[in-house]
Amino acid sequence: MIFFSICSQRLSIELAKRLNGEIINVDSVQMYQECTIGSNKISKNEMQNIPHHLIDNVSLKRCAHDVKYQYTVHQFYKDAHKLCAEILSRNRIPILVGGSAYYIDAFINGVVPENSQPETISLLSRDESTAVSDSEWDRRYKILQELDPEYASKIHRNDLYRLNRSYHIVTTTGKTMKQYKYGELNCKADENKLDIRGAILYLERYKLYPKLEKRCEELVELGLIEEVYGLLQQGILLDHTVPYRAIGYRQTIDFINNVKTLKKGPNFDSSLQYHFFRFLQEFKQATRKYSKHQNTWFKKDNEYYEWIEAEKFGGNLNAMTNYVIDNILNVSQEDFKKHVQSEEQMILKTKACRAENEVMRDSTAKGNATRRKTFLVKSKTNDMNCLYIYKDHGILSNRLNQIKRLLFENVSSI
């Protein structure tokens, strides 16, 4: 049996202790040795002596200096399946933890063989973003919309990495991205006869979003900007690497670049604060959007994951662990799949994936309407009510001063 725990590190640790398990990381950024704060990487103390795999297993420095050396989803597929076999051979349970939906999907459904990809893709992906004109990117996006409207609707016109890759795949192979991916899959999990079961803990969005937003501020206060700046100074956070495009890192790179262009003068401090607030807003917005994307992605599955309403346990980790063991792990595979496909699960998934305007219209929750609206409406960049840690003016002032010292050598002249 293989267990997936989506976005629940504490539950995974407790399960590993109770079930003699080992944890395999499925967060695509935590795999990089140099990315600690932005990836929200688990610490040695937090591991509680539980074996963890695929953490710090990739060198960002090497990826930066060797375009052909990248840790791909294909390599993850091979490594994760090999680790699962080794863990099972020790009569222990593999527990895969993380929220990288693409990697999880690859583990279960397989991946396209690497040698089936057009050779031009890896060679062009890094350079074309600067060499190709905006009008040419517009033309390519329009062609992608015509040839593969489904995939084109899922990516942004300015996501040059995915636009470049999909454009070349679609025009070179004559297949849509879905046909290309699922037409030549390697070894699906069911073909390997793997018993895969997963749990997805969820909160309604008006309760989840404040937690996500506060965590964004906590990562900044822990030193996210300093970490990203250091990687940029080392010249290893480049556009062809995975962390460069990751949430948190991408917004921090933009923030640093914007702040470096600010002119010294009497308005510098107010401009810095404005850009800092905008950075926080963009970071939080991207995090919320990704959370929504995760729910939408996993909602499509009717076979491997049970959705669990986290609040019904009242924060009791022991009760939650007991529930997973008794109702997911200690039942037959047939009973587990029946429950996953039950009407109760369909209702929970629909509830978790409701759009924000649907939450606001919910007549059963009118008593919480004001509170829900506070967390769901779009806010202005300079709205202090959207802050958590940085609502404290002392902490905010200290952080802004640290940014000035980090990015500008002669702070006194600003």
Protein backbone atom coordinates (compact mmCIF):
# COMPACT_ATOMS: atom_id res chain seq x y z
CA MET A 1 0.00 0.00 0.00
CA ILE A 2 1.13 3.55 -0.80
CA PHE A 3 -0.43 6.53 0.97
CA PHE A 4 -0.65 10.11 -0.34
CA SER A 5 -1.08 13.01 2.07
CA ILE A 6 -1.92 16.21 0.22
CA CYS A 7 -0.67 19.31 2.04
CA SER A 8 -0.63 17.84 5.55
CA GLN A 9 2.88 17.50 6.93
CA ARG A 10 1.87 17.02 10.57
CA LEU A 11 -0.56 14.23 9.72
CA SER A 12 2.10 12.49 7.63
CA ILE A 13 4.64 12.54 10.45
CA GLU A 14 2.11 11.11 12.90
CA LEU A 15 1.08 8.39 10.44
CA ALA A 16 4.72 7.48 9.78
CA LYS A 17 5.33 7.09 13.52
CA ARG A 18 2.23 4.95 14.02
CA LEU A 19 2.59 2.80 10.89
CA ASN A 20 6.36 2.42 10.61
CA GLY A 21 6.35 4.52 7.46
CA GLU A 22 8.85 6.52 5.44
CA ILE A 23 8.09 9.83 3.76
CA ILE A 24 8.73 10.70 0.12
CA ASN A 25 8.58 14.39 -0.72
CA VAL A 26 6.33 15.44 -3.62
CA ASP A 27 7.07 19.17 -3.52
CA SER A 28 9.02 20.10 -6.64
CA VAL A 29 10.95 22.96 -4.96
CA GLN A 30 11.86 21.25 -1.68
CA MET A 31 14.02 18.91 -3.75
CA TYR A 32 16.55 21.71 -4.32
CA GLN A 33 19.32 21.97 -1.73
CA GLU A 34 19.57 25.75 -1.93
CA CYS A 35 15.82 26.47 -1.61
CA THR A 36 14.79 26.32 2.03
CA ILE A 37 12.64 29.26 3.09
CA GLY A 38 10.67 29.81 -0.11
CA SER A 39 9.87 26.11 -0.38
CA ASN A 40 8.69 25.98 3.25
CA LYS A 41 11.03 23.01 3.68
CA ILE A 42 10.64 20.78 6.71
CA SER A 43 13.46 21.07 9.25
CA LYS A 44 15.47 18.20 10.73
CA ASN A 45 13.74 18.68 14.08
CA GLU A 46 10.30 18.61 12.45
CA MET A 47 11.16 15.30 10.77
CA GLN A 48 11.22 13.66 14.24
CA ASN A 49 13.68 10.99 13.06
CA ILE A 50 11.28 9.77 10.38
CA PRO A 51 13.17 8.87 7.16
CA HIS A 52 12.52 11.49 4.46
CA HIS A 53 13.37 11.03 0.79
CA LEU A 54 13.68 13.38 -2.22
CA ILE A 55 14.47 16.42 -0.09
CA ASP A 56 17.71 18.28 -0.90
CA ASN A 57 18.43 15.71 -3.60
CA VAL A 58 19.00 18.22 -6.42
CA SER A 59 21.70 20.89 -6.81
CA LEU A 60 20.28 24.17 -8.09
CA LYS A 61 23.84 25.29 -8.81
CA ARG A 62 24.38 22.39 -11.16
CA CYS A 63 20.99 22.91 -12.83
CA ALA A 64 21.85 26.57 -13.38
CA HIS A 65 25.18 25.89 -15.05
CA ASP A 66 24.14 22.84 -17.06
CA VAL A 67 20.88 23.27 -18.98
CA LYS A 68 20.84 19.58 -19.88
CA TYR A 69 21.01 18.61 -16.20
CA GLN A 70 17.51 19.29 -14.87
CA TYR A 71 15.45 17.30 -12.40
CA THR A 72 12.45 16.44 -14.56
CA VAL A 73 9.13 14.83 -13.77
CA HIS A 74 10.49 11.76 -15.59
CA GLN A 75 13.33 11.48 -13.09
CA PHE A 76 10.91 11.98 -10.21
CA TYR A 77 8.73 9.18 -11.59
CA LYS A 78 11.70 6.81 -11.66
CA ASP A 79 13.05 7.85 -8.25
CA ALA A 80 9.69 7.76 -6.46
CA HIS A 81 8.71 4.34 -7.80
CA LYS A 82 12.14 2.93 -6.97
CA LEU A 83 11.92 4.32 -3.42
CA CYS A 84 8.41 2.91 -2.95
CA ALA A 85 9.64 -0.54 -3.97
CA GLU A 86 12.56 -0.31 -1.54
CA ILE A 87 10.37 0.90 1.34
CA LEU A 88 7.77 -1.82 0.72
CA SER A 89 10.55 -4.42 0.66
CA ARG A 90 11.41 -3.32 4.21
CA ASN A 91 7.77 -3.98 5.22
CA ARG A 92 7.20 -0.28 5.73
CA ILE A 93 4.61 2.05 4.21
CA PRO A 94 5.62 4.75 1.70
CA ILE A 95 3.89 8.03 2.53
CA LEU A 96 4.09 10.59 -0.27
CA VAL A 97 3.66 14.14 0.98
CA GLY A 98 3.27 17.36 -0.97
CA GLY A 99 1.03 19.36 -3.23
CA SER A 100 2.76 19.31 -6.63
CA ALA A 101 -0.24 18.01 -8.56
CA TYR A 102 1.74 17.44 -11.76
CA TYR A 103 4.22 15.17 -9.95
CA ILE A 104 1.46 13.29 -8.16
CA ASP A 105 -0.39 12.78 -11.44
CA ALA A 106 2.82 11.53 -13.05
CA PHE A 107 3.42 9.04 -10.24
CA ILE A 108 -0.07 7.57 -10.60
CA ASN A 109 -0.79 7.92 -14.32
CA GLY A 110 2.70 7.67 -15.76
CA VAL A 111 4.77 10.03 -17.89
CA VAL A 112 5.59 10.46 -21.53
CA PRO A 113 8.89 8.72 -22.39
CA GLU A 114 11.65 11.31 -22.49
CA ASN A 115 12.93 10.16 -25.86
CA SER A 116 9.51 10.85 -27.43
CA GLN A 117 9.85 14.61 -26.93
CA PRO A 118 10.88 16.79 -29.88
CA GLU A 119 14.59 17.53 -29.53
CA THR A 120 14.06 21.24 -30.18
CA ILE A 121 12.10 21.84 -26.98
CA SER A 122 14.91 21.69 -24.44
CA LEU A 123 17.26 23.59 -26.73
CA LEU A 124 14.88 26.47 -27.39
CA SER A 125 13.12 26.88 -24.05
CA ARG A 126 15.75 29.05 -22.39
CA ASP A 127 16.76 31.44 -25.16
CA GLU A 128 13.57 32.18 -27.03
CA SER A 129 11.96 34.21 -24.25
CA THR A 130 14.40 37.04 -24.96
CA ALA A 131 15.14 36.41 -28.65
CA VAL A 132 11.53 36.28 -29.86
CA SER A 133 9.52 39.49 -30.30
CA ASP A 134 6.20 40.14 -28.55
CA SER A 135 4.35 40.02 -31.87
CA GLU A 136 5.82 36.59 -32.57
CA TRP A 137 4.75 35.34 -29.13
CA ASP A 138 1.25 36.69 -29.89
CA ARG A 139 1.26 34.78 -33.18
CA ARG A 140 2.34 31.55 -31.49
CA TYR A 141 -0.27 31.89 -28.77
CA LYS A 142 -2.95 32.43 -31.41
CA ILE A 143 -1.79 29.29 -33.25
CA LEU A 144 -1.88 27.33 -30.00
CA GLN A 145 -5.43 28.58 -29.37
CA GLU A 146 -6.44 27.31 -32.81
CA LEU A 147 -4.69 23.93 -32.60
CA ASP A 148 -5.21 23.17 -28.91
CA PRO A 149 -7.79 25.55 -27.40
CA GLU A 150 -8.17 23.43 -24.26
CA TYR A 151 -4.51 23.73 -23.26
CA ALA A 152 -4.24 27.35 -24.43
CA SER A 153 -7.05 28.28 -22.04
CA LYS A 154 -5.03 26.85 -19.12
CA ILE A 155 -1.88 28.94 -19.62
CA HIS A 156 -1.30 32.67 -19.62
CA ARG A 157 0.00 34.39 -22.72
CA ASN A 158 2.99 35.65 -20.69
CA ASP A 159 3.94 32.19 -19.44
CA LEU A 160 6.63 31.94 -22.09
CA TYR A 161 8.11 28.71 -20.78
CA ARG A 162 4.88 26.72 -21.17
CA LEU A 163 3.83 28.60 -24.29
CA ASN A 164 7.14 27.81 -25.96
CA ARG A 165 7.03 24.15 -24.98
CA SER A 166 3.40 23.55 -25.94
CA TYR A 167 3.75 25.48 -29.21
CA HIS A 168 6.62 23.25 -30.31
CA ILE A 169 4.92 20.03 -29.18
CA VAL A 170 1.62 20.84 -30.89
CA THR A 171 3.15 22.10 -34.13
CA THR A 172 5.86 19.41 -34.29
CA THR A 173 3.82 16.33 -33.38
CA GLY A 174 0.41 17.38 -34.70
CA LYS A 175 -1.12 16.32 -31.37
CA THR A 176 -2.85 18.28 -28.65
CA MET A 177 -1.06 18.41 -25.31
CA LYS A 178 -3.53 15.90 -23.85
CA GLN A 179 -3.01 13.49 -26.76
CA TYR A 180 0.74 13.95 -26.51
CA LYS A 181 0.80 13.27 -22.78
CA TYR A 182 -1.69 10.44 -22.47
CA GLY A 183 -1.03 8.75 -25.79
CA GLU A 184 2.36 7.33 -24.81
CA LEU A 185 2.27 6.93 -21.06
CA ASN A 186 4.78 4.85 -19.12
CA CYS A 187 3.53 2.30 -16.60
CA LYS A 188 0.32 3.50 -14.97
CA ALA A 189 0.00 2.74 -11.28
CA ASP A 190 -2.93 0.36 -11.80
CA GLU A 191 -0.86 -1.58 -14.33
CA ASN A 192 1.82 -1.91 -11.64
CA LYS A 193 -0.92 -3.16 -9.29
CA LEU A 194 -0.12 -0.52 -6.70
CA ASP A 195 -2.66 0.02 -3.94
CA ILE A 196 -2.69 3.82 -3.75
CA ARG A 197 -4.84 5.69 -1.23
CA GLY A 198 -4.78 9.34 -0.37
CA ALA A 199 -6.30 11.92 1.95
CA ILE A 200 -6.99 15.56 1.12
CA LEU A 201 -7.63 17.79 4.12
CA TYR A 202 -9.54 20.90 3.25
CA LEU A 203 -11.00 24.04 4.75
CA GLU A 204 -13.58 26.29 3.16
CA ARG A 205 -11.85 29.10 1.38
CA TYR A 206 -12.88 31.89 3.70
CA LYS A 207 -11.14 29.97 6.50
CA LEU A 208 -8.20 28.72 4.45
CA TYR A 209 -7.19 31.99 2.79
CA PRO A 210 -6.24 33.86 5.99
CA LYS A 211 -3.98 30.95 6.98
CA LEU A 212 -2.31 30.96 3.55
CA GLU A 213 -1.85 34.72 3.56
CA LYS A 214 -0.39 34.78 7.05
CA ARG A 215 2.05 32.02 6.06
CA CYS A 216 3.21 34.14 3.11
CA GLU A 217 4.12 36.95 5.51
CA GLU A 218 5.82 34.48 7.85
CA LEU A 219 8.05 33.24 5.02
CA VAL A 220 9.02 36.81 4.16
CA GLU A 221 9.83 37.51 7.80
CA LEU A 222 11.89 34.31 7.98
CA GLY A 223 14.12 35.63 5.21
CA LEU A 224 12.58 34.82 1.82
CA ILE A 225 13.85 38.03 0.23
CA GLU A 226 17.35 37.44 1.61
CA GLU A 227 17.33 33.85 0.31
CA VAL A 228 16.24 34.86 -3.20
CA TYR A 229 18.67 37.78 -3.33
CA GLY A 230 21.51 35.46 -2.33
CA LEU A 231 20.61 32.97 -5.07
CA LEU A 232 20.45 35.77 -7.63
CA GLN A 233 23.84 37.08 -6.50
CA GLN A 234 25.29 33.59 -6.93
CA GLY A 235 23.88 33.50 -10.45
CA ILE A 236 22.06 30.20 -9.93
CA LEU A 237 18.40 31.28 -9.89
CA LEU A 238 17.97 31.32 -13.67
CA ASP A 239 14.85 31.26 -15.81
CA HIS A 240 15.24 27.66 -16.97
CA THR A 241 15.25 26.29 -13.41
CA VAL A 242 12.15 25.11 -11.55
CA PRO A 243 12.53 27.42 -8.50
CA TYR A 244 12.68 30.51 -10.73
CA ARG A 245 9.05 29.91 -11.71
CA ALA A 246 7.89 28.78 -8.27
CA ILE A 247 5.37 30.77 -6.22
CA GLY A 248 7.17 33.00 -3.76
CA TYR A 249 10.43 32.99 -5.69
CA ARG A 250 8.92 34.48 -8.83
CA GLN A 251 7.20 37.32 -6.96
CA THR A 252 10.33 38.02 -4.89
CA ILE A 253 12.48 38.27 -8.02
CA ASP A 254 10.06 40.83 -9.48
CA PHE A 255 10.03 42.76 -6.21
CA ILE A 256 13.83 42.92 -6.01
CA ASN A 257 14.08 44.05 -9.64
CA ASN A 258 11.43 46.74 -9.10
CA VAL A 259 12.99 48.08 -5.91
CA LYS A 260 16.44 48.27 -7.49
CA THR A 261 15.04 50.78 -10.00
CA LEU A 262 13.69 53.17 -7.34
CA LYS A 263 15.28 56.60 -7.33
CA LYS A 264 16.84 57.95 -4.17
CA GLY A 265 15.05 60.92 -2.68
CA PRO A 266 12.36 62.08 -0.23
CA ASN A 267 9.75 59.68 -1.67
CA PHE A 268 11.94 56.60 -1.51
CA ASP A 269 10.54 55.17 1.74
CA SER A 270 6.92 55.52 0.65
CA SER A 271 7.73 53.98 -2.75
CA LEU A 272 9.52 51.08 -1.07
CA GLN A 273 6.55 50.44 1.20
CA TYR A 274 4.17 50.57 -1.78
CA HIS A 275 6.23 48.01 -3.71
CA PHE A 276 6.52 45.82 -0.60
CA PHE A 277 2.75 45.81 -0.11
CA ARG A 278 2.23 45.06 -3.79
CA PHE A 279 4.73 42.20 -3.54
CA LEU A 280 2.85 40.74 -0.57
CA GLN A 281 -0.44 41.08 -2.42
CA GLU A 282 0.90 39.31 -5.52
CA PHE A 283 2.51 36.57 -3.42
CA LYS A 284 -0.74 35.95 -1.56
CA GLN A 285 -2.82 36.09 -4.71
CA ALA A 286 -0.61 33.52 -6.44
CA THR A 287 -0.78 31.28 -3.36
CA ARG A 288 -4.58 31.48 -3.24
CA LYS A 289 -4.80 30.78 -6.96
CA TYR A 290 -2.57 27.73 -6.63
CA SER A 291 -4.66 26.43 -3.74
CA LYS A 292 -7.76 26.76 -5.90
CA HIS A 293 -5.96 25.01 -8.76
CA GLN A 294 -5.05 22.10 -6.46
CA ASN A 295 -8.65 21.64 -5.39
CA THR A 296 -9.85 21.74 -9.00
CA TRP A 297 -7.17 19.27 -10.07
CA PHE A 298 -7.88 16.70 -7.36
CA LYS A 299 -11.63 17.13 -7.67
CA LYS A 300 -11.43 15.35 -11.03
CA ASP A 301 -10.19 12.16 -9.37
CA ASN A 302 -12.76 9.57 -8.34
CA GLU A 303 -10.42 6.76 -7.41
CA TYR A 304 -7.47 7.62 -5.17
CA TYR A 305 -8.33 10.40 -2.68
CA GLU A 306 -10.75 10.79 0.18
CA TRP A 307 -11.64 14.39 0.99
CA ILE A 308 -11.69 15.09 4.72
CA GLU A 309 -13.17 18.17 6.35
CA ALA A 310 -10.32 19.16 8.67
CA GLU A 311 -12.49 21.20 11.04
CA LYS A 312 -14.52 18.21 12.19
CA PHE A 313 -11.49 17.09 14.22
CA GLY A 314 -11.16 20.41 16.03
CA GLY A 315 -7.40 20.45 15.56
CA ASN A 316 -7.03 17.07 17.29
CA LEU A 317 -4.16 15.43 15.39
CA ASN A 318 -4.62 12.11 17.17
CA ALA A 319 -8.29 11.93 16.19
CA MET A 320 -7.43 12.80 12.59
CA THR A 321 -4.73 10.12 12.48
CA ASN A 322 -7.11 7.52 13.90
CA TYR A 323 -9.70 8.42 11.28
CA VAL A 324 -7.23 7.96 8.41
CA ILE A 325 -6.00 4.63 9.77
CA ASP A 326 -9.48 3.25 10.48
CA ASN A 327 -11.34 4.57 7.43
CA ILE A 328 -8.71 4.73 4.69
CA LEU A 329 -5.84 2.38 5.45
CA ASN A 330 -7.55 -0.44 7.36
CA VAL A 331 -10.37 -1.06 4.88
CA SER A 332 -10.32 -3.15 1.72
CA GLN A 333 -9.27 -1.48 -1.51
CA GLU A 334 -12.75 -2.12 -2.90
CA ASP A 335 -14.47 -0.43 0.07
CA PHE A 336 -12.07 2.50 -0.11
CA LYS A 337 -12.84 3.13 -3.77
CA LYS A 338 -16.58 2.81 -3.16
CA HIS A 339 -16.39 5.48 -0.48
CA VAL A 340 -14.27 7.78 -2.67
CA GLN A 341 -17.01 7.56 -5.32
CA SER A 342 -19.86 8.04 -2.84
CA GLU A 343 -22.37 10.87 -2.95
CA GLU A 344 -20.96 12.16 0.36
CA GLN A 345 -17.55 12.63 -1.25
CA MET A 346 -19.06 14.34 -4.30
CA ILE A 347 -20.77 16.84 -1.99
CA LEU A 348 -17.55 17.52 -0.06
CA LYS A 349 -15.55 18.08 -3.26
CA THR A 350 -18.18 20.44 -4.63
CA LYS A 351 -18.20 22.34 -1.35
CA ALA A 352 -14.41 22.65 -1.29
CA CYS A 353 -14.23 23.87 -4.89
CA ARG A 354 -17.02 26.43 -4.84
CA ALA A 355 -16.20 29.74 -6.45
CA GLU A 356 -15.94 32.77 -4.18
CA ASN A 357 -19.20 34.31 -5.38
CA GLU A 358 -20.97 31.03 -4.59
CA VAL A 359 -19.63 31.15 -1.04
CA MET A 360 -20.99 34.66 -0.68
CA ARG A 361 -24.43 33.61 -1.96
CA ASP A 362 -24.68 30.67 0.41
CA SER A 363 -27.91 31.42 2.26
CA THR A 364 -26.98 29.00 5.02
CA ALA A 365 -24.02 31.12 6.06
CA LYS A 366 -25.44 34.64 6.07
CA GLY A 367 -24.35 35.07 9.65
CA ASN A 368 -20.75 34.85 8.50
CA ALA A 369 -21.20 36.92 5.34
CA THR A 370 -19.25 39.95 6.56
CA ARG A 371 -16.40 37.84 7.86
CA ARG A 372 -16.27 35.78 4.68
CA LYS A 373 -16.36 38.85 2.48
CA THR A 374 -13.42 40.34 4.36
CA PHE A 375 -11.20 37.48 3.23
CA LEU A 376 -12.59 36.93 -0.25
CA VAL A 377 -12.93 40.35 -1.88
CA LYS A 378 -10.02 41.85 -3.76
CA SER A 379 -8.17 44.39 -1.66
CA LYS A 380 -6.15 47.46 -2.46
CA THR A 381 -2.37 47.30 -2.39
CA ASN A 382 -2.10 49.71 0.53
CA ASP A 383 -4.89 48.21 2.64
CA MET A 384 -3.40 47.57 6.09
CA ASN A 385 -6.39 45.37 6.99
CA CYS A 386 -5.01 42.71 4.64
CA LEU A 387 -1.86 42.36 6.72
CA TYR A 388 -1.11 39.97 9.56
CA ILE A 389 2.46 40.15 10.87
CA TYR A 390 3.13 43.43 9.08
CA LYS A 391 0.12 45.11 10.61
CA ASP A 392 2.57 45.80 13.45
CA HIS A 393 4.29 49.04 12.39
CA GLY A 394 7.45 48.16 14.29
CA ILE A 395 7.87 44.82 12.49
CA LEU A 396 7.02 46.45 9.16
CA SER A 397 9.53 49.27 9.66
CA ASN A 398 12.25 46.83 10.65
CA ARG A 399 11.61 44.67 7.58
CA LEU A 400 11.74 47.66 5.22
CA ASN A 401 15.03 48.79 6.77
CA GLN A 402 16.46 45.29 6.32
CA ILE A 403 15.46 45.38 2.65
CA LYS A 404 17.22 48.73 2.22
CA ARG A 405 20.38 47.38 3.81
CA LEU A 406 20.22 44.27 1.65
CA LEU A 407 19.66 45.93 -1.71
CA PHE A 408 21.51 49.22 -1.31
CA GLU A 409 25.11 49.52 -0.16
CA ASN A 410 24.93 53.11 1.06
CA VAL A 411 21.67 53.31 2.99
CA SER A 412 22.47 56.72 4.50
CA SER A 413 22.39 58.38 1.07
CA ILE A 414 18.85 57.23 0.31
